[in-house]
Amino acid sequence: MNKEGKHQLVTEVHDKLQRAKAVFLADFRGMNVGQATELRNELRKAAVEFKVVKNTLLELASKGTDKEALNPYFAGPTAVAITYDDPVAAAKVLSRFAKETTNPFTLKAGVLSGKAISPADIQALADLPSREVLIAKMLGSMQAPATNFVGVLAAVPGSFVRALNAIRIQKEGN
């Protein structure tokens, strides 16, 4: 790749790093083409970009972004997973792939909210429920008091009607 191509790649990756909610680094040594394709397809479904970029170009691209915390991890073969939406989904796919494959695919580090996170933190992130599940749980807990209140309000007239009905039945029986 010539100098102009490298400059263009650095600019492109810099823009992606600035827009990213989270970035994860992995050592892809030992992966064959089939495994790499499988991982890319799974990550694509989770709206995650997966690239292999030279470490020096990654270091240049990360300058001026909150992803500079990754610079110490730019050593050896490095693949970059960039997510613009849901960091949990990306962490789930990467962690599952690292566990299930027989090759030595390993997570190196990541950046979430401008802070470097370790492979153990990435695993903890992967163990969280998905964004949709968390939103549903939150809405359910917010809705529960209102539902209970409506139930209490509906119970008062219902109790009154049942009491009147019992009185009516009692008087009809006499």
N, C-alpha and C. Protein backbone atom coordinates (compact mmCIF):
# COMPACT_ATOMS: atom_id res chain seq x y z
N MET A 1 0.86 -1.17 0.00
CA MET A 1 0.00 0.00 0.00
C MET A 1 0.91 1.24 0.00
N ASN A 2 0.58 2.18 -0.87
CA ASN A 2 1.41 3.39 -0.94
C ASN A 2 1.03 4.37 0.17
N LYS A 3 1.80 5.43 0.25
CA LYS A 3 1.63 6.41 1.33
C LYS A 3 0.24 7.04 1.31
N GLU A 4 -0.26 7.34 0.12
CA GLU A 4 -1.59 7.95 0.00
C GLU A 4 -2.67 6.98 0.49
N GLY A 5 -2.54 5.72 0.14
CA GLY A 5 -3.50 4.70 0.58
C GLY A 5 -3.48 4.54 2.09
N LYS A 6 -2.28 4.57 2.68
CA LYS A 6 -2.16 4.46 4.14
C LYS A 6 -2.80 5.66 4.83
N HIS A 7 -2.57 6.85 4.26
CA HIS A 7 -3.15 8.07 4.84
C HIS A 7 -4.68 7.99 4.78
N GLN A 8 -5.20 7.53 3.66
CA GLN A 8 -6.65 7.41 3.50
C GLN A 8 -7.21 6.38 4.50
N LEU A 9 -6.52 5.26 4.67
CA LEU A 9 -6.95 4.24 5.62
C LEU A 9 -6.93 4.77 7.06
N VAL A 10 -5.88 5.49 7.42
CA VAL A 10 -5.78 6.07 8.76
C VAL A 10 -6.94 7.04 9.00
N THR A 11 -7.25 7.87 8.02
CA THR A 11 -8.36 8.83 8.15
C THR A 11 -9.69 8.09 8.32
N GLU A 12 -9.89 7.06 7.52
CA GLU A 12 -11.13 6.28 7.58
C GLU A 12 -11.28 5.59 8.94
N VAL A 13 -10.22 4.95 9.41
CA VAL A 13 -10.27 4.26 10.70
C VAL A 13 -10.42 5.27 11.84
N HIS A 14 -9.77 6.42 11.74
CA HIS A 14 -9.90 7.48 12.75
C HIS A 14 -11.37 7.91 12.88
N ASP A 15 -12.03 8.14 11.74
CA ASP A 15 -13.44 8.53 11.77
C ASP A 15 -14.30 7.44 12.42
N LYS A 16 -14.01 6.19 12.09
CA LYS A 16 -14.78 5.08 12.67
C LYS A 16 -14.56 4.99 14.17
N LEU A 17 -13.32 5.18 14.60
CA LEU A 17 -13.02 5.12 16.03
C LEU A 17 -13.71 6.25 16.79
N GLN A 18 -13.80 7.43 16.18
CA GLN A 18 -14.47 8.55 16.84
C GLN A 18 -15.96 8.29 17.01
N ARG A 19 -16.58 7.65 16.01
CA ARG A 19 -18.02 7.39 16.06
C ARG A 19 -18.38 6.17 16.91
N ALA A 20 -17.42 5.31 17.17
CA ALA A 20 -17.69 4.03 17.83
C ALA A 20 -18.08 4.19 19.30
N LYS A 21 -19.04 3.38 19.73
CA LYS A 21 -19.39 3.32 21.15
C LYS A 21 -18.39 2.44 21.89
N ALA A 22 -17.91 1.40 21.21
CA ALA A 22 -16.95 0.49 21.83
C ALA A 22 -16.05 -0.11 20.75
N VAL A 23 -14.82 -0.42 21.15
CA VAL A 23 -13.85 -1.05 20.26
C VAL A 23 -13.21 -2.20 21.03
N PHE A 24 -13.08 -3.33 20.36
CA PHE A 24 -12.46 -4.51 20.97
C PHE A 24 -11.30 -4.97 20.10
N LEU A 25 -10.22 -5.39 20.74
CA LEU A 25 -9.05 -5.90 20.03
C LEU A 25 -8.92 -7.39 20.30
N ALA A 26 -8.50 -8.12 19.26
CA ALA A 26 -8.32 -9.57 19.42
C ALA A 26 -7.07 -10.01 18.69
N ASP A 27 -6.48 -11.06 19.20
CA ASP A 27 -5.34 -11.71 18.55
C ASP A 27 -5.93 -12.84 17.71
N PHE A 28 -5.77 -12.74 16.40
CA PHE A 28 -6.42 -13.69 15.50
C PHE A 28 -5.47 -14.77 14.99
N ARG A 29 -4.29 -14.88 15.57
CA ARG A 29 -3.32 -15.91 15.16
C ARG A 29 -3.97 -17.28 15.16
N GLY A 30 -3.72 -18.04 14.12
CA GLY A 30 -4.21 -19.41 14.06
C GLY A 30 -5.59 -19.56 13.46
N MET A 31 -6.27 -18.45 13.15
CA MET A 31 -7.59 -18.55 12.53
C MET A 31 -7.43 -18.92 11.06
N ASN A 32 -8.27 -19.84 10.59
CA ASN A 32 -8.27 -20.11 9.16
C ASN A 32 -9.33 -19.24 8.49
N VAL A 33 -9.38 -19.29 7.19
CA VAL A 33 -10.30 -18.41 6.44
C VAL A 33 -11.75 -18.71 6.79
N GLY A 34 -12.09 -19.97 6.94
CA GLY A 34 -13.47 -20.34 7.28
C GLY A 34 -13.90 -19.77 8.61
N GLN A 35 -13.03 -19.85 9.60
CA GLN A 35 -13.35 -19.31 10.92
C GLN A 35 -13.47 -17.79 10.88
N ALA A 36 -12.57 -17.15 10.13
CA ALA A 36 -12.62 -15.69 10.02
C ALA A 36 -13.91 -15.26 9.34
N THR A 37 -14.31 -15.98 8.31
CA THR A 37 -15.56 -15.66 7.60
C THR A 37 -16.76 -15.86 8.53
N GLU A 38 -16.75 -16.94 9.27
CA GLU A 38 -17.83 -17.21 10.22
C GLU A 38 -17.93 -16.09 11.26
N LEU A 39 -16.79 -15.68 11.80
CA LEU A 39 -16.78 -14.60 12.80
C LEU A 39 -17.26 -13.29 12.19
N ARG A 40 -16.79 -12.97 11.00
CA ARG A 40 -17.24 -11.73 10.34
C ARG A 40 -18.75 -11.73 10.13
N ASN A 41 -19.30 -12.87 9.70
CA ASN A 41 -20.74 -12.96 9.47
C ASN A 41 -21.53 -12.78 10.77
N GLU A 42 -21.07 -13.41 11.84
CA GLU A 42 -21.74 -13.25 13.14
C GLU A 42 -21.67 -11.80 13.62
N LEU A 43 -20.51 -11.19 13.46
CA LEU A 43 -20.35 -9.80 13.88
C LEU A 43 -21.18 -8.86 13.02
N ARG A 44 -21.27 -9.15 11.73
CA ARG A 44 -22.08 -8.31 10.83
C ARG A 44 -23.54 -8.33 11.27
N LYS A 45 -24.04 -9.51 11.68
CA LYS A 45 -25.42 -9.62 12.17
C LYS A 45 -25.64 -8.75 13.41
N ALA A 46 -24.59 -8.58 14.20
CA ALA A 46 -24.67 -7.76 15.42
C ALA A 46 -24.29 -6.30 15.14
N ALA A 47 -24.18 -5.93 13.87
CA ALA A 47 -23.83 -4.56 13.45
C ALA A 47 -22.45 -4.15 13.97
N VAL A 48 -21.48 -5.05 13.81
CA VAL A 48 -20.11 -4.80 14.25
C VAL A 48 -19.18 -4.94 13.06
N GLU A 49 -18.27 -3.98 12.90
CA GLU A 49 -17.25 -4.07 11.84
C GLU A 49 -16.04 -4.79 12.40
N PHE A 50 -15.46 -5.67 11.59
CA PHE A 50 -14.28 -6.44 12.01
C PHE A 50 -13.21 -6.25 10.95
N LYS A 51 -12.07 -5.69 11.35
CA LYS A 51 -10.99 -5.39 10.41
C LYS A 51 -9.66 -5.83 10.98
N VAL A 52 -8.75 -6.10 10.06
CA VAL A 52 -7.36 -6.31 10.44
C VAL A 52 -6.58 -5.15 9.86
N VAL A 53 -5.96 -4.37 10.73
CA VAL A 53 -5.21 -3.18 10.32
C VAL A 53 -3.85 -3.24 11.00
N LYS A 54 -2.83 -2.78 10.29
CA LYS A 54 -1.49 -2.76 10.88
C LYS A 54 -1.49 -1.94 12.17
N ASN A 55 -0.72 -2.42 13.14
CA ASN A 55 -0.68 -1.76 14.45
C ASN A 55 -0.25 -0.30 14.37
N THR A 56 0.74 0.00 13.54
CA THR A 56 1.21 1.39 13.44
C THR A 56 0.11 2.29 12.88
N LEU A 57 -0.66 1.77 11.93
CA LEU A 57 -1.76 2.55 11.36
C LEU A 57 -2.88 2.72 12.39
N LEU A 58 -3.14 1.68 13.17
CA LEU A 58 -4.15 1.78 14.24
C LEU A 58 -3.74 2.82 15.28
N GLU A 59 -2.47 2.82 15.61
CA GLU A 59 -1.97 3.79 16.60
C GLU A 59 -2.14 5.21 16.08
N LEU A 60 -1.82 5.42 14.81
CA LEU A 60 -2.00 6.75 14.22
C LEU A 60 -3.48 7.13 14.18
N ALA A 61 -4.33 6.18 13.83
CA ALA A 61 -5.77 6.45 13.71
C ALA A 61 -6.40 6.74 15.07
N SER A 62 -5.87 6.17 16.13
CA SER A 62 -6.48 6.36 17.45
C SER A 62 -6.10 7.70 18.09
N LYS A 63 -5.09 8.36 17.56
CA LYS A 63 -4.67 9.66 18.12
C LYS A 63 -5.82 10.66 18.04
N GLY A 64 -6.06 11.34 19.14
CA GLY A 64 -7.11 12.36 19.17
C GLY A 64 -8.49 11.79 19.42
N THR A 65 -8.59 10.50 19.71
CA THR A 65 -9.88 9.90 20.04
C THR A 65 -9.81 9.37 21.47
N ASP A 66 -10.96 8.98 21.99
CA ASP A 66 -10.95 8.39 23.34
C ASP A 66 -10.51 6.92 23.31
N LYS A 67 -10.10 6.45 22.13
CA LYS A 67 -9.63 5.06 21.99
C LYS A 67 -8.11 4.96 22.12
N GLU A 68 -7.44 6.07 22.44
CA GLU A 68 -5.98 6.05 22.62
C GLU A 68 -5.56 5.13 23.76
N ALA A 69 -6.48 4.81 24.64
CA ALA A 69 -6.17 3.91 25.76
C ALA A 69 -5.78 2.52 25.27
N LEU A 70 -6.09 2.22 24.00
CA LEU A 70 -5.75 0.91 23.44
C LEU A 70 -4.31 0.82 22.94
N ASN A 71 -3.61 1.94 22.83
CA ASN A 71 -2.27 1.95 22.24
C ASN A 71 -1.32 0.90 22.82
N PRO A 72 -1.30 0.64 24.12
CA PRO A 72 -0.37 -0.39 24.62
C PRO A 72 -0.67 -1.80 24.10
N TYR A 73 -1.87 -2.02 23.59
CA TYR A 73 -2.27 -3.36 23.13
C TYR A 73 -2.03 -3.58 21.64
N PHE A 74 -1.51 -2.57 20.95
CA PHE A 74 -1.24 -2.71 19.51
C PHE A 74 0.09 -3.42 19.33
N ALA A 75 0.11 -4.71 19.60
CA ALA A 75 1.32 -5.52 19.42
C ALA A 75 0.89 -6.89 18.93
N GLY A 76 1.64 -7.45 18.01
CA GLY A 76 1.29 -8.74 17.45
C GLY A 76 0.11 -8.61 16.50
N PRO A 77 -0.36 -9.73 15.97
CA PRO A 77 -1.51 -9.67 15.05
C PRO A 77 -2.74 -9.14 15.78
N THR A 78 -3.30 -8.08 15.26
CA THR A 78 -4.42 -7.43 15.94
C THR A 78 -5.59 -7.24 14.98
N ALA A 79 -6.75 -7.72 15.40
CA ALA A 79 -7.99 -7.48 14.68
C ALA A 79 -8.81 -6.52 15.52
N VAL A 80 -9.56 -5.66 14.85
CA VAL A 80 -10.35 -4.64 15.53
C VAL A 80 -11.83 -4.87 15.25
N ALA A 81 -12.62 -4.91 16.31
CA ALA A 81 -14.07 -5.00 16.20
C ALA A 81 -14.64 -3.67 16.68
N ILE A 82 -15.36 -2.99 15.78
CA ILE A 82 -15.89 -1.65 16.08
C ILE A 82 -17.41 -1.72 16.07
N THR A 83 -18.03 -1.25 17.15
CA THR A 83 -19.48 -1.22 17.20
C THR A 83 -19.96 0.21 17.44
N TYR A 84 -21.00 0.58 16.72
CA TYR A 84 -21.57 1.92 16.82
C TYR A 84 -22.87 1.91 17.63
N ASP A 85 -23.34 0.71 17.96
CA ASP A 85 -24.66 0.60 18.57
C ASP A 85 -24.63 -0.07 19.94
N ASP A 86 -24.51 -1.38 19.96
CA ASP A 86 -24.66 -2.14 21.20
C ASP A 86 -23.37 -2.87 21.57
N PRO A 87 -22.61 -2.35 22.52
CA PRO A 87 -21.37 -3.01 22.92
C PRO A 87 -21.58 -4.41 23.49
N VAL A 88 -22.72 -4.63 24.13
CA VAL A 88 -22.99 -5.94 24.73
C VAL A 88 -23.10 -7.01 23.65
N ALA A 89 -23.78 -6.68 22.54
CA ALA A 89 -23.94 -7.65 21.45
C ALA A 89 -22.58 -8.02 20.86
N ALA A 90 -21.72 -7.03 20.67
CA ALA A 90 -20.39 -7.30 20.13
C ALA A 90 -19.58 -8.16 21.10
N ALA A 91 -19.64 -7.84 22.38
CA ALA A 91 -18.90 -8.61 23.38
C ALA A 91 -19.40 -10.05 23.44
N LYS A 92 -20.71 -10.24 23.30
CA LYS A 92 -21.28 -11.59 23.31
C LYS A 92 -20.73 -12.43 22.16
N VAL A 93 -20.74 -11.87 20.95
CA VAL A 93 -20.27 -12.61 19.79
C VAL A 93 -18.79 -12.94 19.93
N LEU A 94 -17.98 -11.96 20.30
CA LEU A 94 -16.54 -12.18 20.42
C LEU A 94 -16.21 -13.18 21.52
N SER A 95 -16.86 -13.07 22.67
CA SER A 95 -16.59 -13.99 23.78
C SER A 95 -17.02 -15.41 23.43
N ARG A 96 -18.18 -15.53 22.82
CA ARG A 96 -18.66 -16.86 22.42
C ARG A 96 -17.71 -17.50 21.42
N PHE A 97 -17.25 -16.70 20.44
CA PHE A 97 -16.33 -17.22 19.43
C PHE A 97 -15.01 -17.64 20.07
N ALA A 98 -14.52 -16.84 21.01
CA ALA A 98 -13.26 -17.17 21.68
C ALA A 98 -13.38 -18.47 22.49
N LYS A 99 -14.56 -18.72 23.07
CA LYS A 99 -14.77 -19.93 23.85
C LYS A 99 -14.95 -21.16 22.96
N GLU A 100 -15.72 -20.99 21.87
CA GLU A 100 -16.13 -22.14 21.07
C GLU A 100 -15.08 -22.61 20.07
N THR A 101 -14.19 -21.75 19.64
CA THR A 101 -13.22 -22.16 18.63
C THR A 101 -12.05 -22.89 19.27
N THR A 102 -11.48 -23.77 18.48
CA THR A 102 -10.33 -24.54 18.98
C THR A 102 -9.02 -23.79 18.76
N ASN A 103 -9.06 -22.78 17.90
CA ASN A 103 -7.83 -22.01 17.64
C ASN A 103 -7.58 -21.03 18.78
N PRO A 104 -6.40 -20.48 18.85
CA PRO A 104 -6.08 -19.58 19.96
C PRO A 104 -6.56 -18.14 19.75
N PHE A 105 -7.77 -17.95 19.24
CA PHE A 105 -8.35 -16.61 19.11
C PHE A 105 -8.58 -16.07 20.51
N THR A 106 -7.95 -14.96 20.83
CA THR A 106 -8.09 -14.40 22.18
C THR A 106 -8.40 -12.92 22.12
N LEU A 107 -9.16 -12.48 23.09
CA LEU A 107 -9.45 -11.06 23.22
C LEU A 107 -8.29 -10.41 23.95
N LYS A 108 -7.84 -9.26 23.43
CA LYS A 108 -6.72 -8.54 24.06
C LYS A 108 -7.21 -7.49 25.05
N ALA A 109 -8.10 -6.64 24.55
CA ALA A 109 -8.60 -5.52 25.37
C ALA A 109 -9.74 -4.86 24.61
N GLY A 110 -10.28 -3.83 25.21
CA GLY A 110 -11.33 -3.06 24.57
C GLY A 110 -11.38 -1.67 25.17
N VAL A 111 -12.19 -0.83 24.55
CA VAL A 111 -12.44 0.51 25.09
C VAL A 111 -13.94 0.72 25.09
N LEU A 112 -14.44 1.12 26.25
CA LEU A 112 -15.85 1.41 26.41
C LEU A 112 -15.94 2.72 27.19
N SER A 113 -16.62 3.70 26.64
CA SER A 113 -16.75 5.02 27.26
C SER A 113 -15.40 5.65 27.57
N GLY A 114 -14.44 5.45 26.67
CA GLY A 114 -13.13 6.07 26.80
C GLY A 114 -12.18 5.40 27.78
N LYS A 115 -12.61 4.29 28.37
CA LYS A 115 -11.77 3.59 29.34
C LYS A 115 -11.40 2.21 28.80
N ALA A 116 -10.13 1.85 28.97
CA ALA A 116 -9.68 0.53 28.55
C ALA A 116 -10.29 -0.54 29.46
N ILE A 117 -10.71 -1.64 28.84
CA ILE A 117 -11.26 -2.75 29.61
C ILE A 117 -10.49 -4.02 29.27
N SER A 118 -10.37 -4.88 30.24
CA SER A 118 -9.60 -6.12 30.09
C SER A 118 -10.47 -7.21 29.47
N PRO A 119 -9.86 -8.33 29.06
CA PRO A 119 -10.66 -9.45 28.56
C PRO A 119 -11.69 -9.94 29.59
N ALA A 120 -11.36 -9.89 30.87
CA ALA A 120 -12.33 -10.28 31.91
C ALA A 120 -13.52 -9.32 31.93
N ASP A 121 -13.25 -8.03 31.72
CA ASP A 121 -14.33 -7.04 31.66
C ASP A 121 -15.20 -7.26 30.43
N ILE A 122 -14.57 -7.64 29.32
CA ILE A 122 -15.32 -7.93 28.10
C ILE A 122 -16.23 -9.12 28.34
N GLN A 123 -15.74 -10.14 29.04
CA GLN A 123 -16.56 -11.31 29.37
C GLN A 123 -17.71 -10.91 30.28
N ALA A 124 -17.46 -10.04 31.25
CA ALA A 124 -18.52 -9.56 32.14
C ALA A 124 -19.57 -8.79 31.35
N LEU A 125 -19.13 -8.00 30.38
CA LEU A 125 -20.04 -7.27 29.50
C LEU A 125 -20.87 -8.24 28.68
N ALA A 126 -20.24 -9.31 28.21
CA ALA A 126 -20.95 -10.31 27.41
C ALA A 126 -21.99 -11.06 28.23
N ASP A 127 -21.77 -11.16 29.53
CA ASP A 127 -22.72 -11.87 30.40
C ASP A 127 -23.96 -11.04 30.72
N LEU A 128 -23.93 -9.75 30.41
CA LEU A 128 -25.10 -8.90 30.64
C LEU A 128 -26.22 -9.27 29.68
N PRO A 129 -27.47 -9.05 30.06
CA PRO A 129 -28.56 -9.25 29.12
C PRO A 129 -28.45 -8.23 27.98
N SER A 130 -29.10 -8.52 26.87
CA SER A 130 -29.05 -7.61 25.73
C SER A 130 -29.74 -6.29 26.06
N ARG A 131 -29.52 -5.31 25.24
CA ARG A 131 -30.10 -3.97 25.44
C ARG A 131 -31.62 -4.04 25.50
N GLU A 132 -32.21 -4.83 24.59
CA GLU A 132 -33.66 -4.94 24.52
C GLU A 132 -34.23 -5.56 25.81
N VAL A 133 -33.54 -6.58 26.33
CA VAL A 133 -33.98 -7.22 27.57
C VAL A 133 -33.89 -6.24 28.73
N LEU A 134 -32.80 -5.49 28.81
CA LEU A 134 -32.65 -4.51 29.89
C LEU A 134 -33.73 -3.43 29.82
N ILE A 135 -34.04 -2.96 28.61
CA ILE A 135 -35.09 -1.96 28.43
C ILE A 135 -36.44 -2.53 28.85
N ALA A 136 -36.72 -3.78 28.45
CA ALA A 136 -37.98 -4.42 28.82
C ALA A 136 -38.10 -4.57 30.33
N LYS A 137 -37.02 -4.96 30.99
CA LYS A 137 -37.05 -5.09 32.45
C LYS A 137 -37.29 -3.74 33.12
N MET A 138 -36.63 -2.71 32.60
CA MET A 138 -36.78 -1.38 33.18
C MET A 138 -38.22 -0.88 32.99
N LEU A 139 -38.76 -1.06 31.79
CA LEU A 139 -40.14 -0.62 31.54
C LEU A 139 -41.12 -1.41 32.40
N GLY A 140 -40.86 -2.70 32.57
CA GLY A 140 -41.72 -3.53 33.41
C GLY A 140 -41.72 -3.05 34.85
N SER A 141 -40.55 -2.70 35.35
CA SER A 141 -40.48 -2.23 36.74
C SER A 141 -41.08 -0.83 36.87
N MET A 142 -41.02 -0.03 35.82
CA MET A 142 -41.64 1.30 35.87
C MET A 142 -43.16 1.18 35.76
N GLN A 143 -43.62 0.17 35.01
CA GLN A 143 -45.05 0.01 34.78
C GLN A 143 -45.74 -0.68 35.96
N ALA A 144 -45.03 -1.48 36.72
CA ALA A 144 -45.63 -2.26 37.80
C ALA A 144 -46.38 -1.41 38.82
N PRO A 145 -45.82 -0.30 39.34
CA PRO A 145 -46.58 0.50 40.31
C PRO A 145 -47.88 1.06 39.72
N ALA A 146 -47.83 1.50 38.48
CA ALA A 146 -49.04 2.04 37.86
C ALA A 146 -50.09 0.95 37.69
N THR A 147 -49.66 -0.24 37.29
CA THR A 147 -50.58 -1.36 37.12
C THR A 147 -51.21 -1.74 38.46
N ASN A 148 -50.40 -1.79 39.50
CA ASN A 148 -50.92 -2.12 40.83
C ASN A 148 -51.91 -1.06 41.31
N PHE A 149 -51.62 0.21 41.06
CA PHE A 149 -52.49 1.30 41.46
C PHE A 149 -53.84 1.19 40.74
N VAL A 150 -53.80 0.91 39.45
CA VAL A 150 -55.04 0.75 38.68
C VAL A 150 -55.82 -0.45 39.22
N GLY A 151 -55.11 -1.52 39.57
CA GLY A 151 -55.78 -2.70 40.14
C GLY A 151 -56.50 -2.37 41.44
N VAL A 152 -55.86 -1.58 42.29
CA VAL A 152 -56.48 -1.17 43.56
C VAL A 152 -57.70 -0.30 43.28
N LEU A 153 -57.58 0.64 42.36
CA LEU A 153 -58.71 1.51 42.03
C LEU A 153 -59.88 0.70 41.47
N ALA A 154 -59.59 -0.30 40.66
CA ALA A 154 -60.65 -1.13 40.09
C ALA A 154 -61.25 -2.06 41.14
N ALA A 155 -60.50 -2.43 42.15
CA ALA A 155 -60.98 -3.35 43.18
C ALA A 155 -62.04 -2.71 44.07
N VAL A 156 -61.93 -1.42 44.33
CA VAL A 156 -62.87 -0.74 45.23
C VAL A 156 -64.29 -0.78 44.66
N PRO A 157 -64.54 -0.32 43.42
CA PRO A 157 -65.91 -0.42 42.90
C PRO A 157 -66.35 -1.88 42.74
N GLY A 158 -65.42 -2.75 42.40
CA GLY A 158 -65.76 -4.17 42.25
C GLY A 158 -66.23 -4.76 43.57
N SER A 159 -65.55 -4.41 44.65
CA SER A 159 -65.95 -4.89 45.99
C SER A 159 -67.32 -4.35 46.35
N PHE A 160 -67.56 -3.10 46.03
CA PHE A 160 -68.85 -2.46 46.32
C PHE A 160 -69.97 -3.17 45.55
N VAL A 161 -69.72 -3.46 44.27
CA VAL A 161 -70.73 -4.14 43.44
C VAL A 161 -70.98 -5.55 43.98
N ARG A 162 -69.94 -6.26 44.37
CA ARG A 162 -70.13 -7.61 44.92
C ARG A 162 -70.91 -7.55 46.24
N ALA A 163 -70.65 -6.55 47.05
CA ALA A 163 -71.39 -6.40 48.31
C ALA A 163 -72.87 -6.13 48.03
N LEU A 164 -73.15 -5.24 47.07
CA LEU A 164 -74.54 -4.96 46.71
C LEU A 164 -75.22 -6.20 46.16
N ASN A 165 -74.50 -6.96 45.36
CA ASN A 165 -75.05 -8.19 44.78
C ASN A 165 -75.36 -9.20 45.89
N ALA A 166 -74.48 -9.31 46.88
CA ALA A 166 -74.71 -10.23 48.00
C ALA A 166 -75.95 -9.80 48.79
N ILE A 167 -76.12 -8.49 48.99
CA ILE A 167 -77.30 -7.98 49.70
C ILE A 167 -78.56 -8.28 48.91
N ARG A 168 -78.50 -8.11 47.57
CA ARG A 168 -79.65 -8.37 46.71
C ARG A 168 -80.04 -9.85 46.78
N ILE A 169 -79.04 -10.73 46.73
CA ILE A 169 -79.32 -12.16 46.79
C ILE A 169 -79.91 -12.54 48.15
N GLN A 170 -79.41 -11.91 49.19
CA GLN A 170 -79.90 -12.19 50.54
C GLN A 170 -81.35 -11.74 50.67
N LYS A 171 -81.70 -10.58 50.12
CA LYS A 171 -83.06 -10.07 50.22
C LYS A 171 -84.01 -10.88 49.36
N GLU A 172 -83.53 -11.37 48.20
CA GLU A 172 -84.37 -12.20 47.34
C GLU A 172 -84.65 -13.54 48.01
N GLY A 173 -83.71 -14.01 48.79
CA GLY A 173 -83.86 -15.30 49.48
C GLY A 173 -84.84 -15.22 50.63
N ASN A 174 -85.04 -14.05 51.21
CA ASN A 174 -85.95 -13.89 52.36
C ASN A 174 -87.34 -13.78 51.92
